[in-house]
């Protein structure tokens, strides 16, 4: 995992994406730009750079990663290269029901089913940023979604769940 790290505030990496958050609290339609091709201003309810709000890394503890690194992590977890089989099962198996009743919390993971298919994962975000990893242990699928603007993560995650469980 060479593209994953946590840097303290003020230290940047060359590969960190800029996050864009809703200006004025209203999300624009996907791809809405002003006449110059930049994210439109607050009066249109479009997006603005999040660097004044989220000064480094994230979601949400300040870390950054890549799709490839998160894929390798999930593969190593499923292949019991990080932990033995019994400990892996324990780490990803839900223990405490979530308040929405849709899943259980494990050790850093959620464990639930969608359309009868088990999905273990984790998601987090900050203004203008989002990340999610969904692991389908019984099907050996791993889906990683990284987003750099408000409102982009959930539609992609929801659509992949529909495709992979439908």
Protein backbone atom coordinates (compact mmCIF):
# COMPACT_ATOMS: atom_id res chain seq x y z
CA UNK A 1 0.00 0.00 0.00
CA UNK A 2 2.42 2.63 -1.23
CA UNK A 3 -0.25 5.24 -2.02
CA UNK A 4 -1.80 5.27 1.46
CA UNK A 5 -0.66 7.42 4.35
CA UNK A 6 -1.65 9.92 6.96
CA UNK A 7 0.09 13.27 6.89
CA UNK A 8 -0.29 16.00 9.48
CA UNK A 9 -1.90 19.30 8.45
CA UNK A 10 0.23 21.38 6.11
CA UNK A 11 1.97 18.42 4.45
CA UNK A 12 0.64 17.54 1.02
CA UNK A 13 1.24 14.71 -1.39
CA UNK A 14 1.35 15.10 -5.16
CA UNK A 15 -1.55 12.72 -5.73
CA UNK A 16 -4.17 14.15 -3.37
CA UNK A 17 -7.34 15.21 -5.19
CA UNK A 18 -8.96 18.55 -4.50
CA UNK A 19 -12.38 18.17 -2.91
CA UNK A 20 -15.38 20.23 -3.94
CA UNK A 21 -18.26 20.90 -1.60
CA UNK A 22 -21.68 22.40 -2.04
CA UNK A 23 -21.53 26.18 -2.04
CA UNK A 24 -24.46 27.61 -0.14
CA UNK A 25 -25.56 24.14 0.92
CA UNK A 26 -27.23 23.33 -2.43
CA UNK A 27 -25.81 20.59 -4.63
CA UNK A 28 -25.64 21.30 -8.38
CA UNK A 29 -26.50 18.77 -11.02
CA UNK A 30 -23.53 16.54 -11.85
CA UNK A 31 -21.15 18.33 -14.21
CA UNK A 32 -22.61 21.84 -13.71
CA UNK A 33 -19.92 24.37 -14.65
CA UNK A 34 -19.94 28.11 -15.16
CA UNK A 35 -19.10 29.74 -18.50
CA UNK A 36 -15.35 29.38 -17.87
CA UNK A 37 -15.65 25.65 -17.24
CA UNK A 38 -14.93 26.05 -13.52
CA UNK A 39 -17.22 24.94 -10.74
CA UNK A 40 -20.01 27.50 -10.66
CA UNK A 41 -20.21 30.08 -7.86
CA UNK A 42 -22.40 30.17 -4.74
CA UNK A 43 -25.23 32.02 -6.45
CA UNK A 44 -25.90 28.97 -8.62
CA UNK A 45 -25.61 26.56 -5.70
CA UNK A 46 -22.69 24.78 -7.33
CA UNK A 47 -19.38 23.58 -5.96
CA UNK A 48 -16.48 25.31 -4.27
CA UNK A 49 -12.97 24.11 -3.37
CA UNK A 50 -12.87 22.59 0.13
CA UNK A 51 -9.26 23.51 0.99
CA UNK A 52 -10.30 26.11 3.58
CA UNK A 53 -12.44 23.52 5.40
CA UNK A 54 -10.46 20.30 4.90
CA UNK A 55 -6.78 21.25 4.77
CA UNK A 56 -5.27 17.78 4.18
CA UNK A 57 -6.00 14.18 3.34
CA UNK A 58 -9.26 12.78 4.68
CA UNK A 59 -12.05 11.01 4.96
CA UNK A 60 -12.43 11.80 7.81
CA UNK A 61 -9.39 11.21 9.96
CA UNK A 62 -6.91 12.82 7.58
CA UNK A 63 -5.73 9.72 5.74
CA UNK A 64 -5.53 9.35 1.98
CA UNK A 65 -5.38 6.28 -0.24
CA UNK A 66 -5.82 4.99 -3.77
CA UNK A 67 -8.30 2.58 -5.31
CA UNK A 68 -5.47 0.14 -5.97
CA UNK A 69 -4.24 0.20 -2.38
CA UNK A 70 -7.72 -0.33 -0.97
CA UNK A 71 -8.27 -3.20 -3.42
CA UNK A 72 -5.01 -4.81 -2.30
CA UNK A 73 -6.02 -4.38 1.34
CA UNK A 74 -9.38 -6.09 0.75
CA UNK A 75 -7.73 -8.93 -1.21
CA UNK A 76 -5.16 -9.49 1.55
CA UNK A 77 -7.93 -9.47 4.16
CA UNK A 78 -10.04 -11.99 2.23
CA UNK A 79 -7.00 -14.19 1.52
CA UNK A 80 -6.13 -14.26 5.26
CA UNK A 81 -2.75 -12.63 4.60
CA UNK A 82 -3.32 -9.99 7.28
CA UNK A 83 -5.00 -12.20 9.88
CA UNK A 84 -5.74 -15.88 10.23
CA UNK A 85 -9.11 -17.19 9.02
CA UNK A 86 -10.77 -17.16 12.45
CA UNK A 87 -9.61 -13.64 13.29
CA UNK A 88 -10.62 -12.37 9.83
CA UNK A 89 -14.14 -13.76 10.33
CA UNK A 90 -14.29 -12.10 13.75
CA UNK A 91 -13.09 -8.72 12.47
CA UNK A 92 -15.61 -8.50 9.61
CA UNK A 93 -18.60 -10.15 11.31
CA UNK A 94 -21.18 -7.77 12.75
CA UNK A 95 -21.60 -7.58 16.50
CA UNK A 96 -23.73 -4.54 17.34
CA UNK A 97 -26.88 -3.57 15.40
CA UNK A 98 -26.73 -0.18 13.71
CA UNK A 99 -29.47 2.29 14.59
CA UNK A 100 -30.95 2.02 11.08
CA UNK A 101 -31.37 -1.75 11.53
CA UNK A 102 -29.86 -2.42 8.11
CA UNK A 103 -26.50 -3.78 9.23
CA UNK A 104 -24.31 -4.52 12.22
CA UNK A 105 -21.06 -2.92 13.22
CA UNK A 106 -17.96 -5.11 13.35
CA UNK A 107 -14.40 -3.98 14.16
CA UNK A 108 -14.19 -1.01 11.78
CA UNK A 109 -16.56 -2.59 9.27
CA UNK A 110 -20.28 -2.74 8.70
CA UNK A 111 -21.75 -6.16 7.97
CA UNK A 112 -25.10 -6.36 6.23
CA UNK A 113 -27.03 -7.79 3.32
CA UNK A 114 -28.48 -6.16 0.24
CA UNK A 115 -30.86 -8.18 -1.93
CA UNK A 116 -29.78 -11.22 0.08
CA UNK A 117 -26.07 -10.70 -0.63
CA UNK A 118 -23.63 -10.07 2.21
CA UNK A 119 -21.63 -6.84 1.99
CA UNK A 120 -18.88 -5.95 4.46
CA UNK A 121 -17.47 -2.47 4.20
CA UNK A 122 -16.61 0.92 5.49
CA UNK A 123 -17.33 4.43 4.33
CA UNK A 124 -16.37 7.89 5.48
CA UNK A 125 -16.35 11.44 4.27
CA UNK A 126 -15.77 15.10 4.86
CA UNK A 127 -17.03 18.19 3.04
CA UNK A 128 -16.22 17.58 -0.63
CA UNK A 129 -14.75 14.10 -0.10
CA UNK A 130 -16.00 10.58 0.28
CA UNK A 131 -14.60 7.06 0.30
CA UNK A 132 -16.21 3.65 0.53
CA UNK A 133 -15.05 0.07 0.26
CA UNK A 134 -17.62 -2.68 -0.17
CA UNK A 135 -16.42 -6.26 0.08
CA UNK A 136 -18.69 -9.07 -1.11
CA UNK A 137 -16.93 -11.95 0.68
CA UNK A 138 -19.12 -14.74 -0.68
CA UNK A 139 -18.73 -13.51 -4.27
CA UNK A 140 -15.13 -12.25 -4.02
CA UNK A 141 -16.06 -8.79 -5.34
CA UNK A 142 -14.46 -5.65 -4.01
CA UNK A 143 -15.79 -2.21 -4.91
CA UNK A 144 -13.85 0.92 -4.00
CA UNK A 145 -15.41 4.33 -4.60
CA UNK A 146 -13.45 7.53 -4.04
CA UNK A 147 -15.21 10.84 -4.66
CA UNK A 148 -14.01 14.40 -4.59
CA UNK A 149 -17.27 16.27 -4.55
CA UNK A 150 -20.37 16.32 -2.40
CA UNK A 151 -23.10 13.97 -3.48
CA UNK A 152 -20.97 11.83 -5.80
CA UNK A 153 -20.29 8.81 -3.57
CA UNK A 154 -23.72 7.41 -2.72
CA UNK A 155 -25.19 7.19 -6.27
CA UNK A 156 -22.15 5.22 -7.47
CA UNK A 157 -22.15 2.98 -4.41
CA UNK A 158 -25.91 2.38 -4.67
CA UNK A 159 -25.71 1.57 -8.39
CA UNK A 160 -22.86 -0.92 -7.93
CA UNK A 161 -24.81 -2.64 -5.16
CA UNK A 162 -27.82 -2.91 -7.48
CA UNK A 163 -25.70 -4.37 -10.29
CA UNK A 164 -23.78 -6.84 -8.14
CA UNK A 165 -26.76 -8.10 -6.13
CA UNK A 166 -29.59 -7.87 -8.68
